[in-house]
């Protein structure tokens, strides 16, 4: 069973980033996601999904809020925050 990713998270659930695994066809996503705070151990929470198809997603990482495409959020493995 693959690890849960941010695009699959329940809205409002407190999570932590466990790993960022970008696809080979989009290597530029890794540094960009790291620059905006998606690093292992950082608290993260899915705040909302768009109505049709759920894309984009509104995500809070640390004290910042971003809109991510589902494909980007699917690169972020998460674990339940303790």
PDB file of N, CA and C in Angstrom:
ATOM      1  N   UNK A   1       0.848  -1.178   0.000  1.00  0.00           N
ATOM      2  CA  UNK A   1       0.000   0.000   0.000  1.00  0.00           C
ATOM      3  C   UNK A   1       0.896   1.245   0.000  1.00  0.00           C
ATOM      4  N   UNK A   2       0.696   2.149  -0.974  1.00  0.00           N
ATOM      5  CA  UNK A   2       1.531   3.353  -1.030  1.00  0.00           C
ATOM      6  C   UNK A   2       1.236   4.274   0.154  1.00  0.00           C
ATOM      7  N   UNK A   3       2.213   5.082   0.547  1.00  0.00           N
ATOM      8  CA  UNK A   3       1.980   6.016   1.661  1.00  0.00           C
ATOM      9  C   UNK A   3       0.949   7.064   1.258  1.00  0.00           C
ATOM     10  N   UNK A   4       0.203   7.595   2.227  1.00  0.00           N
ATOM     11  CA  UNK A   4      -0.802   8.621   1.900  1.00  0.00           C
ATOM     12  C   UNK A   4      -0.121   9.903   1.411  1.00  0.00           C
ATOM     13  N   UNK A   5      -0.791  10.570   0.504  1.00  0.00           N
ATOM     14  CA  UNK A   5      -0.271  11.831  -0.028  1.00  0.00           C
ATOM     15  C   UNK A   5      -1.262  12.951   0.265  1.00  0.00           C
ATOM     16  N   UNK A   6      -0.779  14.162   0.162  1.00  0.00           N
ATOM     17  CA  UNK A   6      -1.571  15.322   0.557  1.00  0.00           C
ATOM     18  C   UNK A   6      -2.858  15.454  -0.246  1.00  0.00           C
ATOM     19  N   UNK A   7      -2.863  15.066  -1.493  1.00  0.00           N
ATOM     20  CA  UNK A   7      -4.082  15.178  -2.307  1.00  0.00           C
ATOM     21  C   UNK A   7      -5.185  14.248  -1.823  1.00  0.00           C
ATOM     22  N   UNK A   8      -4.835  13.223  -1.036  1.00  0.00           N
ATOM     23  CA  UNK A   8      -5.820  12.258  -0.523  1.00  0.00           C
ATOM     24  C   UNK A   8      -6.276  12.589   0.896  1.00  0.00           C
ATOM     25  N   UNK A   9      -5.692  13.612   1.492  1.00  0.00           N
ATOM     26  CA  UNK A   9      -5.948  13.916   2.906  1.00  0.00           C
ATOM     27  C   UNK A   9      -7.376  14.396   3.134  1.00  0.00           C
ATOM     28  N   UNK A  10      -7.830  14.193   4.350  1.00  0.00           N
ATOM     29  CA  UNK A  10      -9.121  14.740   4.764  1.00  0.00           C
ATOM     30  C   UNK A  10      -8.942  16.231   5.030  1.00  0.00           C
ATOM     31  N   UNK A  11      -9.942  17.005   4.676  1.00  0.00           N
ATOM     32  CA  UNK A  11      -9.886  18.447   4.909  1.00  0.00           C
ATOM     33  C   UNK A  11      -9.811  18.716   6.411  1.00  0.00           C
ATOM     34  N   UNK A  12      -8.822  19.517   6.789  1.00  0.00           N
ATOM     35  CA  UNK A  12      -8.653  19.945   8.175  1.00  0.00           C
ATOM     36  C   UNK A  12      -7.828  19.019   9.043  1.00  0.00           C
ATOM     37  N   UNK A  13      -7.463  17.851   8.550  1.00  0.00           N
ATOM     38  CA  UNK A  13      -6.700  16.901   9.367  1.00  0.00           C
ATOM     39  C   UNK A  13      -5.278  17.425   9.595  1.00  0.00           C
ATOM     40  N   UNK A  14      -4.799  17.427  10.845  1.00  0.00           N
ATOM     41  CA  UNK A  14      -3.420  17.867  11.104  1.00  0.00           C
ATOM     42  C   UNK A  14      -2.428  16.794  10.668  1.00  0.00           C
ATOM     43  N   UNK A  15      -1.513  17.176   9.779  1.00  0.00           N
ATOM     44  CA  UNK A  15      -0.554  16.237   9.193  1.00  0.00           C
ATOM     45  C   UNK A  15       0.848  16.823   9.270  1.00  0.00           C
ATOM     46  N   UNK A  16       1.806  15.996   8.946  1.00  0.00           N
ATOM     47  CA  UNK A  16       3.194  16.437   8.790  1.00  0.00           C
ATOM     48  C   UNK A  16       3.709  15.898   7.463  1.00  0.00           C
ATOM     49  N   UNK A  17       4.555  16.665   6.819  1.00  0.00           N
ATOM     50  CA  UNK A  17       5.203  16.211   5.591  1.00  0.00           C
ATOM     51  C   UNK A  17       6.194  15.114   5.964  1.00  0.00           C
ATOM     52  N   UNK A  18       6.113  13.975   5.307  1.00  0.00           N
ATOM     53  CA  UNK A  18       7.094  12.927   5.560  1.00  0.00           C
ATOM     54  C   UNK A  18       8.105  12.812   4.431  1.00  0.00           C
ATOM     55  N   UNK A  19       7.701  13.148   3.200  1.00  0.00           N
ATOM     56  CA  UNK A  19       8.634  13.033   2.076  1.00  0.00           C
ATOM     57  C   UNK A  19       8.033  13.753   0.876  1.00  0.00           C
ATOM     58  N   UNK A  20       8.877  14.307   0.044  1.00  0.00           N
ATOM     59  CA  UNK A  20       8.431  14.886  -1.228  1.00  0.00           C
ATOM     60  C   UNK A  20       9.087  14.082  -2.330  1.00  0.00           C
ATOM     61  N   UNK A  21       8.261  13.488  -3.174  1.00  0.00           N
ATOM     62  CA  UNK A  21       8.732  12.608  -4.252  1.00  0.00           C
ATOM     63  C   UNK A  21       8.144  13.118  -5.560  1.00  0.00           C
ATOM     64  N   UNK A  22       8.921  13.914  -6.302  1.00  0.00           N
ATOM     65  CA  UNK A  22       8.397  14.508  -7.534  1.00  0.00           C
ATOM     66  C   UNK A  22       8.563  13.544  -8.709  1.00  0.00           C
ATOM     67  N   UNK A  23       7.709  13.668  -9.722  1.00  0.00           N
ATOM     68  CA  UNK A  23       7.833  12.784 -10.892  1.00  0.00           C
ATOM     69  C   UNK A  23       9.053  13.157 -11.731  1.00  0.00           C
ATOM     70  N   UNK A  24       9.570  12.187 -12.433  1.00  0.00           N
ATOM     71  CA  UNK A  24      10.759  12.399 -13.268  1.00  0.00           C
ATOM     72  C   UNK A  24      10.519  13.465 -14.331  1.00  0.00           C
ATOM     73  N   UNK A  25       9.283  13.589 -14.806  1.00  0.00           N
ATOM     74  CA  UNK A  25       8.984  14.564 -15.850  1.00  0.00           C
ATOM     75  C   UNK A  25       8.819  15.994 -15.317  1.00  0.00           C
ATOM     76  N   UNK A  26       8.882  16.182 -13.989  1.00  0.00           N
ATOM     77  CA  UNK A  26       8.746  17.523 -13.406  1.00  0.00           C
ATOM     78  C   UNK A  26       9.750  17.708 -12.260  1.00  0.00           C
ATOM     79  N   UNK A  27      11.054  17.579 -12.543  1.00  0.00           N
ATOM     80  CA  UNK A  27      12.037  17.687 -11.457  1.00  0.00           C
ATOM     81  C   UNK A  27      12.076  19.062 -10.813  1.00  0.00           C
ATOM     82  N   UNK A  28      11.614  20.092 -11.530  1.00  0.00           N
ATOM     83  CA  UNK A  28      11.631  21.451 -10.980  1.00  0.00           C
ATOM     84  C   UNK A  28      10.658  21.623  -9.815  1.00  0.00           C
ATOM     85  N   UNK A  29       9.710  20.721  -9.671  1.00  0.00           N
ATOM     86  CA  UNK A  29       8.757  20.825  -8.564  1.00  0.00           C
ATOM     87  C   UNK A  29       9.451  20.628  -7.219  1.00  0.00           C
ATOM     88  N   UNK A  30      10.479  19.775  -7.150  1.00  0.00           N
ATOM     89  CA  UNK A  30      11.143  19.482  -5.877  1.00  0.00           C
ATOM     90  C   UNK A  30      11.715  20.728  -5.208  1.00  0.00           C
ATOM     91  N   UNK A  31      12.604  21.473  -5.886  1.00  0.00           N
ATOM     92  CA  UNK A  31      13.142  22.693  -5.271  1.00  0.00           C
ATOM     93  C   UNK A  31      12.049  23.726  -4.972  1.00  0.00           C
ATOM     94  N   UNK A  32      11.068  23.840  -5.864  1.00  0.00           N
ATOM     95  CA  UNK A  32       9.998  24.817  -5.643  1.00  0.00           C
ATOM     96  C   UNK A  32       9.192  24.448  -4.403  1.00  0.00           C
ATOM     97  N   UNK A  33       8.793  23.196  -4.270  1.00  0.00           N
ATOM     98  CA  UNK A  33       8.028  22.789  -3.090  1.00  0.00           C
ATOM     99  C   UNK A  33       8.850  22.975  -1.807  1.00  0.00           C
ATOM    100  N   UNK A  34      10.141  22.691  -1.891  1.00  0.00           N
ATOM    101  CA  UNK A  34      11.001  22.885  -0.718  1.00  0.00           C
ATOM    102  C   UNK A  34      11.094  24.366  -0.347  1.00  0.00           C
ATOM    103  N   UNK A  35      11.214  25.235  -1.348  1.00  0.00           N
ATOM    104  CA  UNK A  35      11.313  26.671  -1.087  1.00  0.00           C
ATOM    105  C   UNK A  35      10.083  27.232  -0.411  1.00  0.00           C
ATOM    106  N   UNK A  36       8.918  26.687  -0.700  1.00  0.00           N
ATOM    107  CA  UNK A  36       7.700  27.213  -0.069  1.00  0.00           C
ATOM    108  C   UNK A  36       7.364  26.463   1.213  1.00  0.00           C
ATOM    109  N   UNK A  37       8.235  25.547   1.638  1.00  0.00           N
ATOM    110  CA  UNK A  37       8.089  24.981   2.979  1.00  0.00           C
ATOM    111  C   UNK A  37       7.761  23.509   3.071  1.00  0.00           C
ATOM    112  N   UNK A  38       7.614  22.822   1.963  1.00  0.00           N
ATOM    113  CA  UNK A  38       7.283  21.391   2.015  1.00  0.00           C
ATOM    114  C   UNK A  38       8.550  20.576   2.241  1.00  0.00           C
ATOM    115  N   UNK A  39       8.936  20.505   3.509  1.00  0.00           N
ATOM    116  CA  UNK A  39      10.115  19.740   3.919  1.00  0.00           C
ATOM    117  C   UNK A  39       9.678  18.752   4.994  1.00  0.00           C
ATOM    118  N   UNK A  40      10.358  17.623   5.112  1.00  0.00           N
ATOM    119  CA  UNK A  40       9.964  16.613   6.107  1.00  0.00           C
ATOM    120  C   UNK A  40       9.856  17.198   7.511  1.00  0.00           C
ATOM    121  N   UNK A  41       8.760  16.839   8.174  1.00  0.00           N
ATOM    122  CA  UNK A  41       8.509  17.270   9.540  1.00  0.00           C
ATOM    123  C   UNK A  41       7.651  18.513   9.660  1.00  0.00           C
ATOM    124  N   UNK A  42       7.465  19.239   8.561  1.00  0.00           N
ATOM    125  CA  UNK A  42       6.698  20.489   8.623  1.00  0.00           C
ATOM    126  C   UNK A  42       5.195  20.186   8.749  1.00  0.00           C
ATOM    127  N   UNK A  43       4.506  20.891   9.659  1.00  0.00           N
ATOM    128  CA  UNK A  43       3.049  20.707   9.765  1.00  0.00           C
ATOM    129  C   UNK A  43       2.353  21.174   8.490  1.00  0.00           C
ATOM    130  N   UNK A  44       1.353  20.429   8.065  1.00  0.00           N
ATOM    131  CA  UNK A  44       0.614  20.756   6.846  1.00  0.00           C
ATOM    132  C   UNK A  44      -0.838  20.357   7.049  1.00  0.00           C
ATOM    133  N   UNK A  45      -1.721  21.074   6.366  1.00  0.00           N
ATOM    134  CA  UNK A  45      -3.152  20.799   6.495  1.00  0.00           C
ATOM    135  C   UNK A  45      -3.832  21.124   5.165  1.00  0.00           C
ATOM    136  N   UNK A  46      -4.653  20.223   4.679  1.00  0.00           N
ATOM    137  CA  UNK A  46      -5.484  20.492   3.504  1.00  0.00           C
ATOM    138  C   UNK A  46      -6.672  21.317   3.964  1.00  0.00           C
ATOM    139  N   UNK A  47      -6.836  22.518   3.403  1.00  0.00           N
ATOM    140  CA  UNK A  47      -7.885  23.431   3.858  1.00  0.00           C
ATOM    141  C   UNK A  47      -9.152  23.323   3.013  1.00  0.00           C
ATOM    142  N   UNK A  48      -9.018  23.100   1.695  1.00  0.00           N
ATOM    143  CA  UNK A  48     -10.193  23.047   0.820  1.00  0.00           C
ATOM    144  C   UNK A  48      -9.815  22.439  -0.518  1.00  0.00           C
ATOM    145  N   UNK A  49     -10.840  21.932  -1.199  1.00  0.00           N
ATOM    146  CA  UNK A  49     -10.689  21.443  -2.575  1.00  0.00           C
ATOM    147  C   UNK A  49     -11.653  22.240  -3.454  1.00  0.00           C
ATOM    148  N   UNK A  50     -11.265  22.490  -4.689  1.00  0.00           N
ATOM    149  CA  UNK A  50     -12.171  23.140  -5.632  1.00  0.00           C
ATOM    150  C   UNK A  50     -13.371  22.222  -5.859  1.00  0.00           C
ATOM    151  N   UNK A  51     -14.493  22.818  -6.218  1.00  0.00           N
ATOM    152  CA  UNK A  51     -15.734  22.066  -6.340  1.00  0.00           C
ATOM    153  C   UNK A  51     -15.694  21.015  -7.448  1.00  0.00           C
ATOM    154  N   UNK A  52     -15.288  21.383  -8.627  1.00  0.00           N
ATOM    155  CA  UNK A  52     -15.331  20.457  -9.750  1.00  0.00           C
ATOM    156  C   UNK A  52     -13.981  19.773  -9.934  1.00  0.00           C
ATOM    157  N   UNK A  53     -13.931  18.504  -9.629  1.00  0.00           N
ATOM    158  CA  UNK A  53     -12.703  17.744  -9.791  1.00  0.00           C
ATOM    159  C   UNK A  53     -11.691  17.913  -8.675  1.00  0.00           C
ATOM    160  N   UNK A  54     -11.940  18.819  -7.748  1.00  0.00           N
ATOM    161  CA  UNK A  54     -11.058  18.986  -6.605  1.00  0.00           C
ATOM    162  C   UNK A  54      -9.708  19.585  -6.929  1.00  0.00           C
ATOM    163  N   UNK A  55      -9.595  20.329  -8.012  1.00  0.00           N
ATOM    164  CA  UNK A  55      -8.320  20.906  -8.422  1.00  0.00           C
ATOM    165  C   UNK A  55      -8.503  22.389  -8.703  1.00  0.00           C
ATOM    166  N   UNK A  56      -7.838  23.285  -8.059  1.00  0.00           N
ATOM    167  CA  UNK A  56      -6.704  23.104  -7.151  1.00  0.00           C
ATOM    168  C   UNK A  56      -7.143  22.816  -5.718  1.00  0.00           C
ATOM    169  N   UNK A  57      -6.127  22.622  -4.891  1.00  0.00           N
ATOM    170  CA  UNK A  57      -6.311  22.406  -3.467  1.00  0.00           C
ATOM    171  C   UNK A  57      -5.756  23.615  -2.726  1.00  0.00           C
ATOM    172  N   UNK A  58      -6.382  23.956  -1.617  1.00  0.00           N
ATOM    173  CA  UNK A  58      -5.849  25.004  -0.753  1.00  0.00           C
ATOM    174  C   UNK A  58      -5.177  24.306   0.415  1.00  0.00           C
ATOM    175  N   UNK A  59      -3.905  24.635   0.620  1.00  0.00           N
ATOM    176  CA  UNK A  59      -3.073  23.925   1.591  1.00  0.00           C
ATOM    177  C   UNK A  59      -2.384  24.930   2.507  1.00  0.00           C
ATOM    178  N   UNK A  60      -2.347  24.644   3.783  1.00  0.00           N
ATOM    179  CA  UNK A  60      -1.584  25.467   4.726  1.00  0.00           C
ATOM    180  C   UNK A  60      -0.353  24.688   5.144  1.00  0.00           C
ATOM    181  N   UNK A  61       0.798  25.312   4.944  1.00  0.00           N
ATOM    182  CA  UNK A  61       2.075  24.721   5.362  1.00  0.00           C
ATOM    183  C   UNK A  61       2.712  25.723   6.305  1.00  0.00           C
ATOM    184  N   UNK A  62       2.960  25.307   7.527  1.00  0.00           N
ATOM    185  CA  UNK A  62       3.448  26.254   8.531  1.00  0.00           C
ATOM    186  C   UNK A  62       2.416  27.344   8.724  1.00  0.00           C
ATOM    187  N   UNK A  63       2.810  28.609   8.510  1.00  0.00           N
ATOM    188  CA  UNK A  63       1.887  29.739   8.662  1.00  0.00           C
ATOM    189  C   UNK A  63       1.487  30.331   7.309  1.00  0.00           C
ATOM    190  N   UNK A  64       1.790  29.647   6.222  1.00  0.00           N
ATOM    191  CA  UNK A  64       1.484  30.142   4.887  1.00  0.00           C
ATOM    192  C   UNK A  64       0.432  29.270   4.222  1.00  0.00           C
ATOM    193  N   UNK A  65      -0.340  29.877   3.332  1.00  0.00           N
ATOM    194  CA  UNK A  65      -1.389  29.168   2.618  1.00  0.00           C
ATOM    195  C   UNK A  65      -1.127  29.274   1.117  1.00  0.00           C
ATOM    196  N   UNK A  66      -1.251  28.149   0.413  1.00  0.00           N
ATOM    197  CA  UNK A  66      -0.977  28.080  -1.018  1.00  0.00           C
ATOM    198  C   UNK A  66      -2.074  27.303  -1.722  1.00  0.00           C
ATOM    199  N   UNK A  67      -2.212  27.542  -3.007  1.00  0.00           N
ATOM    200  CA  UNK A  67      -3.034  26.708  -3.876  1.00  0.00           C
ATOM    201  C   UNK A  67      -2.084  25.792  -4.640  1.00  0.00           C
ATOM    202  N   UNK A  68      -2.339  24.495  -4.555  1.00  0.00           N
ATOM    203  CA  UNK A  68      -1.534  23.514  -5.283  1.00  0.00           C
ATOM    204  C   UNK A  68      -2.435  22.732  -6.220  1.00  0.00           C
ATOM    205  N   UNK A  69      -1.882  22.364  -7.368  1.00  0.00           N
ATOM    206  CA  UNK A  69      -2.596  21.429  -8.239  1.00  0.00           C
ATOM    207  C   UNK A  69      -2.568  20.054  -7.580  1.00  0.00           C
ATOM    208  N   UNK A  70      -3.555  19.243  -7.919  1.00  0.00           N
ATOM    209  CA  UNK A  70      -3.615  17.886  -7.342  1.00  0.00           C
ATOM    210  C   UNK A  70      -2.336  17.117  -7.639  1.00  0.00           C
ATOM    211  N   UNK A  71      -1.808  17.268  -8.835  1.00  0.00           N
ATOM    212  CA  UNK A  71      -0.585  16.542  -9.217  1.00  0.00           C
ATOM    213  C   UNK A  71       0.584  16.934  -8.322  1.00  0.00           C
ATOM    214  N   UNK A  72       0.649  18.211  -7.952  1.00  0.00           N
ATOM    215  CA  UNK A  72       1.718  18.662  -7.055  1.00  0.00           C
ATOM    216  C   UNK A  72       1.502  18.102  -5.647  1.00  0.00           C
ATOM    217  N   UNK A  73       0.275  18.163  -5.172  1.00  0.00           N
ATOM    218  CA  UNK A  73      -0.027  17.648  -3.828  1.00  0.00           C
ATOM    219  C   UNK A  73       0.186  16.140  -3.749  1.00  0.00           C
ATOM    220  N   UNK A  74       0.033  15.451  -4.877  1.00  0.00           N
ATOM    221  CA  UNK A  74       0.226  13.996  -4.898  1.00  0.00           C
ATOM    222  C   UNK A  74       1.698  13.619  -4.716  1.00  0.00           C
ATOM    223  N   UNK A  75       2.603  14.577  -4.848  1.00  0.00           N
ATOM    224  CA  UNK A  75       4.040  14.336  -4.646  1.00  0.00           C
ATOM    225  C   UNK A  75       4.435  14.405  -3.181  1.00  0.00           C
ATOM    226  N   UNK A  76       3.529  14.879  -2.338  1.00  0.00           N
ATOM    227  CA  UNK A  76       3.859  15.145  -0.939  1.00  0.00           C
ATOM    228  C   UNK A  76       3.277  14.035  -0.073  1.00  0.00           C
ATOM    229  N   UNK A  77       4.159  13.197   0.442  1.00  0.00           N
ATOM    230  CA  UNK A  77       3.725  12.132   1.352  1.00  0.00           C
ATOM    231  C   UNK A  77       3.543  12.736   2.734  1.00  0.00           C
ATOM    232  N   UNK A  78       2.483  12.306   3.409  1.00  0.00           N
ATOM    233  CA  UNK A  78       2.150  12.879   4.713  1.00  0.00           C
ATOM    234  C   UNK A  78       1.895  11.778   5.734  1.00  0.00           C
ATOM    235  N   UNK A  79       1.998  12.177   6.992  1.00  0.00           N
ATOM    236  CA  UNK A  79       1.668  11.300   8.115  1.00  0.00           C
ATOM    237  C   UNK A  79       0.850  12.110   9.103  1.00  0.00           C
ATOM    238  N   UNK A  80       0.077  11.427   9.902  1.00  0.00           N
ATOM    239  CA  UNK A  80      -0.723  12.099  10.911  1.00  0.00           C
ATOM    240  C   UNK A  80       0.204  12.808  11.890  1.00  0.00           C
ATOM    241  N   UNK A  81      -0.144  14.059  12.201  1.00  0.00           N
ATOM    242  CA  UNK A  81       0.644  14.811  13.174  1.00  0.00           C
ATOM    243  C   UNK A  81       0.403  14.228  14.559  1.00  0.00           C
ATOM    244  N   UNK A  82       1.468  14.078  15.322  1.00  0.00           N
ATOM    245  CA  UNK A  82       1.322  13.503  16.676  1.00  0.00           C
ATOM    246  C   UNK A  82       0.899  14.562  17.665  1.00  0.00           C
TER     247      UNK A  82
END
